[in-house]
């Protein structure tokens, strides 16, 4: 039960405004989204294990960290971010590209 449900139980006659309804329907994205340059989605093997690397994100450090966390939680995998690159464990290129495209990013598949 989230906060909205608890408030509705306490105040059953209250009707939320139109702004509150619109905000609830949109996905909460806490990082800066822009279209240039396209993000590169690369498949690599490190020590024999597959990894997906995302390059060319031009946001601030906190936005970079938020995007990395969003990807890892969406895909339920581990990973890290360092030196302007996000490294996700496993070959998840298709899922990452679909998710980033749905957020409004331009994504380019690099290699294979």
N, C-alpha and C. Protein backbone atom coordinates (compact mmCIF):
# COMPACT_ATOMS: atom_id res chain seq x y z
N UNK A 1 0.85 -1.17 0.00
CA UNK A 1 0.00 0.00 0.00
C UNK A 1 0.90 1.24 0.00
N UNK A 2 0.81 2.06 -1.05
CA UNK A 2 1.64 3.25 -1.12
C UNK A 2 0.95 4.43 -0.44
N UNK A 3 1.62 5.55 -0.46
CA UNK A 3 1.15 6.74 0.24
C UNK A 3 -0.19 7.22 -0.32
N UNK A 4 -0.37 7.18 -1.63
CA UNK A 4 -1.62 7.62 -2.24
C UNK A 4 -2.80 6.79 -1.75
N UNK A 5 -2.62 5.49 -1.64
CA UNK A 5 -3.68 4.62 -1.15
C UNK A 5 -4.00 4.91 0.31
N UNK A 6 -2.97 5.17 1.10
CA UNK A 6 -3.19 5.49 2.51
C UNK A 6 -3.95 6.80 2.65
N UNK A 7 -3.58 7.81 1.86
CA UNK A 7 -4.29 9.07 1.92
C UNK A 7 -5.74 8.93 1.46
N UNK A 8 -5.97 8.11 0.45
CA UNK A 8 -7.34 7.88 -0.03
C UNK A 8 -8.18 7.19 1.04
N UNK A 9 -7.57 6.31 1.82
CA UNK A 9 -8.30 5.65 2.90
C UNK A 9 -8.64 6.64 4.01
N UNK A 10 -7.75 7.59 4.29
CA UNK A 10 -8.00 8.59 5.33
C UNK A 10 -9.00 9.66 4.87
N UNK A 11 -8.91 10.05 3.60
CA UNK A 11 -9.77 11.10 3.06
C UNK A 11 -10.51 10.59 1.82
N UNK A 12 -11.58 9.80 2.01
CA UNK A 12 -12.26 9.18 0.86
C UNK A 12 -12.96 10.18 -0.05
N UNK A 13 -13.31 11.38 0.44
CA UNK A 13 -14.02 12.36 -0.38
C UNK A 13 -13.10 13.20 -1.26
N UNK A 14 -11.78 13.14 -1.01
CA UNK A 14 -10.82 13.96 -1.75
C UNK A 14 -10.64 13.43 -3.17
N UNK A 15 -10.70 14.35 -4.15
CA UNK A 15 -10.46 14.00 -5.55
C UNK A 15 -9.13 14.63 -5.97
N UNK A 16 -8.17 13.83 -6.46
CA UNK A 16 -6.88 14.41 -6.87
C UNK A 16 -7.05 15.32 -8.09
N UNK A 17 -6.19 16.34 -8.18
CA UNK A 17 -6.25 17.26 -9.31
C UNK A 17 -5.70 16.58 -10.57
N UNK A 18 -5.89 17.23 -11.70
CA UNK A 18 -5.44 16.67 -12.98
C UNK A 18 -3.92 16.54 -13.03
N UNK A 19 -3.19 17.48 -12.42
CA UNK A 19 -1.73 17.42 -12.42
C UNK A 19 -1.23 16.19 -11.68
N UNK A 20 -1.87 15.84 -10.58
CA UNK A 20 -1.46 14.67 -9.82
C UNK A 20 -1.73 13.39 -10.60
N UNK A 21 -2.82 13.34 -11.34
CA UNK A 21 -3.13 12.15 -12.15
C UNK A 21 -2.11 11.97 -13.26
N UNK A 22 -1.72 13.06 -13.92
CA UNK A 22 -0.75 12.98 -15.01
C UNK A 22 0.62 12.55 -14.49
N UNK A 23 1.04 13.07 -13.34
CA UNK A 23 2.34 12.72 -12.79
C UNK A 23 2.41 11.25 -12.40
N UNK A 24 1.32 10.67 -11.97
CA UNK A 24 1.31 9.27 -11.57
C UNK A 24 1.47 8.34 -12.77
N UNK A 25 0.95 8.78 -13.93
CA UNK A 25 0.98 7.93 -15.12
C UNK A 25 2.34 7.92 -15.80
N UNK A 26 3.11 9.01 -15.69
CA UNK A 26 4.41 9.07 -16.34
C UNK A 26 5.45 8.34 -15.53
N UNK A 27 6.43 7.76 -16.22
CA UNK A 27 7.51 7.04 -15.55
C UNK A 27 8.48 8.03 -14.93
N UNK A 28 8.93 7.75 -13.72
CA UNK A 28 9.86 8.64 -13.03
C UNK A 28 11.26 8.41 -13.57
N UNK A 29 11.77 9.39 -14.31
CA UNK A 29 13.11 9.33 -14.88
C UNK A 29 13.91 10.45 -14.23
N UNK A 30 14.96 10.10 -13.51
CA UNK A 30 15.70 11.09 -12.75
C UNK A 30 17.03 11.45 -13.40
N UNK A 31 17.18 11.22 -14.69
CA UNK A 31 18.41 11.58 -15.37
C UNK A 31 18.09 12.35 -16.64
N UNK A 32 19.06 13.10 -17.10
CA UNK A 32 18.90 13.97 -18.25
C UNK A 32 18.92 13.15 -19.54
N UNK A 33 17.93 13.37 -20.39
CA UNK A 33 17.83 12.64 -21.66
C UNK A 33 18.03 13.63 -22.80
N UNK A 34 18.91 13.29 -23.71
CA UNK A 34 19.13 14.09 -24.90
C UNK A 34 19.42 13.17 -26.07
N UNK A 35 19.42 13.73 -27.27
CA UNK A 35 19.51 12.89 -28.46
C UNK A 35 20.88 12.83 -29.11
N UNK A 36 21.81 13.71 -28.79
CA UNK A 36 23.09 13.67 -29.46
C UNK A 36 24.21 13.47 -28.47
N UNK A 37 25.23 12.76 -28.77
CA UNK A 37 25.36 11.76 -29.82
C UNK A 37 24.63 10.49 -29.42
N UNK A 38 24.42 9.57 -30.35
CA UNK A 38 23.74 8.33 -29.99
C UNK A 38 24.57 7.50 -29.02
N UNK A 39 23.90 6.83 -28.12
CA UNK A 39 24.59 5.95 -27.19
C UNK A 39 25.05 4.71 -27.93
N UNK A 40 26.24 4.25 -27.65
CA UNK A 40 26.77 3.04 -28.27
C UNK A 40 26.55 1.85 -27.37
N UNK A 41 26.01 0.78 -27.90
CA UNK A 41 25.77 -0.45 -27.14
C UNK A 41 26.69 -1.52 -27.71
N UNK A 42 27.68 -1.94 -26.92
CA UNK A 42 28.75 -2.81 -27.39
C UNK A 42 28.75 -4.11 -26.60
N UNK A 43 29.02 -5.22 -27.30
CA UNK A 43 29.16 -6.53 -26.66
C UNK A 43 30.65 -6.82 -26.52
N UNK A 44 31.07 -7.17 -25.29
CA UNK A 44 32.47 -7.52 -25.04
C UNK A 44 32.54 -8.77 -24.18
N UNK A 45 33.66 -9.45 -24.26
CA UNK A 45 33.94 -10.55 -23.34
C UNK A 45 35.10 -10.12 -22.47
N UNK A 46 34.91 -10.25 -21.16
CA UNK A 46 35.96 -9.94 -20.20
C UNK A 46 36.20 -11.16 -19.35
N UNK A 47 37.41 -11.66 -19.40
CA UNK A 47 37.78 -12.88 -18.70
C UNK A 47 36.83 -14.03 -19.03
N UNK A 48 36.43 -14.11 -20.30
CA UNK A 48 35.59 -15.19 -20.77
C UNK A 48 34.10 -15.02 -20.51
N UNK A 49 33.70 -13.94 -19.86
CA UNK A 49 32.29 -13.72 -19.54
C UNK A 49 31.73 -12.57 -20.36
N UNK A 50 30.49 -12.70 -20.84
CA UNK A 50 29.92 -11.64 -21.68
C UNK A 50 29.52 -10.40 -20.86
N UNK A 51 29.74 -9.24 -21.46
CA UNK A 51 29.36 -7.97 -20.86
C UNK A 51 28.80 -7.07 -21.96
N UNK A 52 27.86 -6.21 -21.58
CA UNK A 52 27.35 -5.20 -22.49
C UNK A 52 27.83 -3.84 -21.98
N UNK A 53 28.38 -3.04 -22.87
CA UNK A 53 28.94 -1.75 -22.50
C UNK A 53 28.16 -0.65 -23.22
N UNK A 54 27.78 0.39 -22.46
CA UNK A 54 27.09 1.54 -23.04
C UNK A 54 28.04 2.73 -22.96
N UNK A 55 28.24 3.39 -24.09
CA UNK A 55 29.17 4.52 -24.18
C UNK A 55 28.44 5.76 -24.67
N UNK A 56 29.13 6.90 -24.57
CA UNK A 56 28.73 8.19 -25.14
C UNK A 56 27.61 8.89 -24.39
N UNK A 57 27.34 8.55 -23.13
CA UNK A 57 26.35 9.32 -22.37
C UNK A 57 27.02 10.60 -21.91
N UNK A 58 26.39 11.76 -22.17
CA UNK A 58 27.02 13.05 -21.93
C UNK A 58 26.44 13.80 -20.74
N UNK A 59 25.70 13.14 -19.86
CA UNK A 59 25.10 13.81 -18.71
C UNK A 59 26.08 14.03 -17.58
N UNK A 60 25.57 14.62 -16.49
CA UNK A 60 26.39 14.85 -15.30
C UNK A 60 26.66 13.53 -14.59
N UNK A 61 27.58 13.55 -13.62
CA UNK A 61 27.96 12.33 -12.91
C UNK A 61 26.77 11.70 -12.19
N UNK A 62 25.93 12.52 -11.54
CA UNK A 62 24.78 11.96 -10.82
C UNK A 62 23.76 11.38 -11.80
N UNK A 63 23.60 12.00 -12.97
CA UNK A 63 22.70 11.46 -13.99
C UNK A 63 23.24 10.15 -14.53
N UNK A 64 24.55 10.09 -14.70
CA UNK A 64 25.21 8.87 -15.19
C UNK A 64 24.98 7.73 -14.21
N UNK A 65 25.10 8.01 -12.92
CA UNK A 65 24.89 7.01 -11.88
C UNK A 65 23.42 6.58 -11.84
N UNK A 66 22.50 7.52 -12.01
CA UNK A 66 21.07 7.20 -12.00
C UNK A 66 20.69 6.33 -13.19
N UNK A 67 21.25 6.62 -14.37
CA UNK A 67 20.98 5.80 -15.55
C UNK A 67 21.52 4.39 -15.36
N UNK A 68 22.71 4.27 -14.80
CA UNK A 68 23.31 2.97 -14.54
C UNK A 68 22.44 2.16 -13.57
N UNK A 69 21.99 2.80 -12.51
CA UNK A 69 21.14 2.12 -11.53
C UNK A 69 19.81 1.71 -12.13
N UNK A 70 19.24 2.57 -12.96
CA UNK A 70 17.96 2.24 -13.61
C UNK A 70 18.10 1.03 -14.52
N UNK A 71 19.19 0.98 -15.29
CA UNK A 71 19.41 -0.17 -16.18
C UNK A 71 19.60 -1.46 -15.39
N UNK A 72 20.41 -1.40 -14.33
CA UNK A 72 20.68 -2.60 -13.55
C UNK A 72 19.42 -3.10 -12.85
N UNK A 73 18.60 -2.21 -12.34
CA UNK A 73 17.38 -2.65 -11.66
C UNK A 73 16.34 -3.13 -12.66
N UNK A 74 16.26 -2.51 -13.82
CA UNK A 74 15.31 -2.93 -14.85
C UNK A 74 15.64 -4.34 -15.36
N UNK A 75 16.93 -4.61 -15.58
CA UNK A 75 17.35 -5.89 -16.12
C UNK A 75 17.65 -6.93 -15.04
N UNK A 76 17.70 -6.49 -13.78
CA UNK A 76 17.98 -7.37 -12.65
C UNK A 76 19.32 -8.09 -12.82
N UNK A 77 20.34 -7.30 -13.17
CA UNK A 77 21.69 -7.83 -13.32
C UNK A 77 22.67 -6.91 -12.61
N UNK A 78 23.90 -7.36 -12.48
CA UNK A 78 24.94 -6.55 -11.89
C UNK A 78 25.64 -5.72 -12.94
N UNK A 79 26.47 -4.83 -12.48
CA UNK A 79 27.21 -4.00 -13.40
C UNK A 79 27.92 -2.89 -12.66
N UNK A 80 28.55 -2.02 -13.42
CA UNK A 80 29.26 -0.90 -12.82
C UNK A 80 29.31 0.24 -13.82
N UNK A 81 29.79 1.38 -13.36
CA UNK A 81 30.01 2.50 -14.26
C UNK A 81 31.33 3.15 -13.89
N UNK A 82 32.11 3.46 -14.91
CA UNK A 82 33.42 4.05 -14.70
C UNK A 82 33.92 4.62 -16.03
N UNK A 83 34.60 5.73 -15.96
CA UNK A 83 35.21 6.35 -17.15
C UNK A 83 34.21 6.55 -18.29
N UNK A 84 33.04 7.11 -17.96
CA UNK A 84 32.02 7.42 -18.96
C UNK A 84 31.50 6.18 -19.68
N UNK A 85 31.56 5.02 -19.05
CA UNK A 85 31.03 3.78 -19.62
C UNK A 85 30.22 3.05 -18.57
N UNK A 86 29.10 2.47 -18.99
CA UNK A 86 28.28 1.64 -18.12
C UNK A 86 28.50 0.20 -18.57
N UNK A 87 28.89 -0.66 -17.64
CA UNK A 87 29.14 -2.07 -17.94
C UNK A 87 28.06 -2.90 -17.26
N UNK A 88 27.32 -3.67 -18.06
CA UNK A 88 26.24 -4.53 -17.56
C UNK A 88 26.67 -5.97 -17.79
N UNK A 89 26.48 -6.81 -16.80
CA UNK A 89 26.87 -8.22 -16.91
C UNK A 89 25.89 -8.95 -17.83
N UNK A 90 26.44 -9.73 -18.74
CA UNK A 90 25.63 -10.53 -19.66
C UNK A 90 25.41 -9.82 -20.98
N UNK A 91 24.95 -10.58 -21.97
CA UNK A 91 24.64 -10.04 -23.29
C UNK A 91 23.19 -9.57 -23.28
N UNK A 92 22.97 -8.34 -22.92
CA UNK A 92 21.62 -7.77 -22.78
C UNK A 92 21.39 -6.63 -23.77
N UNK A 93 22.04 -6.69 -24.93
CA UNK A 93 21.98 -5.57 -25.87
C UNK A 93 20.56 -5.27 -26.32
N UNK A 94 19.78 -6.29 -26.66
CA UNK A 94 18.43 -6.05 -27.16
C UNK A 94 17.54 -5.40 -26.10
N UNK A 95 17.59 -5.92 -24.87
CA UNK A 95 16.77 -5.37 -23.79
C UNK A 95 17.19 -3.94 -23.46
N UNK A 96 18.50 -3.68 -23.43
CA UNK A 96 19.00 -2.35 -23.13
C UNK A 96 18.60 -1.36 -24.21
N UNK A 97 18.73 -1.76 -25.46
CA UNK A 97 18.38 -0.87 -26.56
C UNK A 97 16.89 -0.57 -26.56
N UNK A 98 16.04 -1.55 -26.27
CA UNK A 98 14.60 -1.31 -26.20
C UNK A 98 14.26 -0.35 -25.07
N UNK A 99 14.87 -0.57 -23.91
CA UNK A 99 14.58 0.27 -22.75
C UNK A 99 15.04 1.71 -22.98
N UNK A 100 16.26 1.88 -23.48
CA UNK A 100 16.77 3.23 -23.71
C UNK A 100 15.98 3.95 -24.81
N UNK A 101 15.55 3.21 -25.83
CA UNK A 101 14.74 3.82 -26.88
C UNK A 101 13.39 4.26 -26.34
N UNK A 102 12.82 3.47 -25.44
CA UNK A 102 11.53 3.85 -24.86
C UNK A 102 11.65 5.09 -23.98
N UNK A 103 12.85 5.35 -23.44
CA UNK A 103 13.07 6.54 -22.63
C UNK A 103 13.34 7.78 -23.49
N UNK A 104 13.65 7.58 -24.77
CA UNK A 104 13.88 8.71 -25.65
C UNK A 104 15.31 8.86 -26.13
N UNK A 105 16.17 7.94 -25.78
CA UNK A 105 17.56 7.98 -26.23
C UNK A 105 17.66 7.43 -27.65
N UNK A 106 18.66 7.89 -28.39
CA UNK A 106 19.02 7.29 -29.66
C UNK A 106 20.14 6.31 -29.37
N UNK A 107 19.95 5.04 -29.76
CA UNK A 107 20.92 4.00 -29.43
C UNK A 107 21.42 3.37 -30.71
N UNK A 108 22.74 3.15 -30.78
CA UNK A 108 23.37 2.55 -31.95
C UNK A 108 24.05 1.26 -31.51
N UNK A 109 23.73 0.16 -32.19
CA UNK A 109 24.37 -1.14 -31.89
C UNK A 109 25.72 -1.15 -32.58
N UNK A 110 26.78 -1.40 -31.80
CA UNK A 110 28.13 -1.40 -32.34
C UNK A 110 28.68 -2.82 -32.25
N UNK A 111 29.11 -3.36 -33.37
CA UNK A 111 29.66 -4.71 -33.42
C UNK A 111 28.56 -5.76 -33.45
N UNK A 112 28.88 -6.92 -34.00
CA UNK A 112 28.04 -8.10 -34.07
C UNK A 112 26.64 -7.93 -34.05
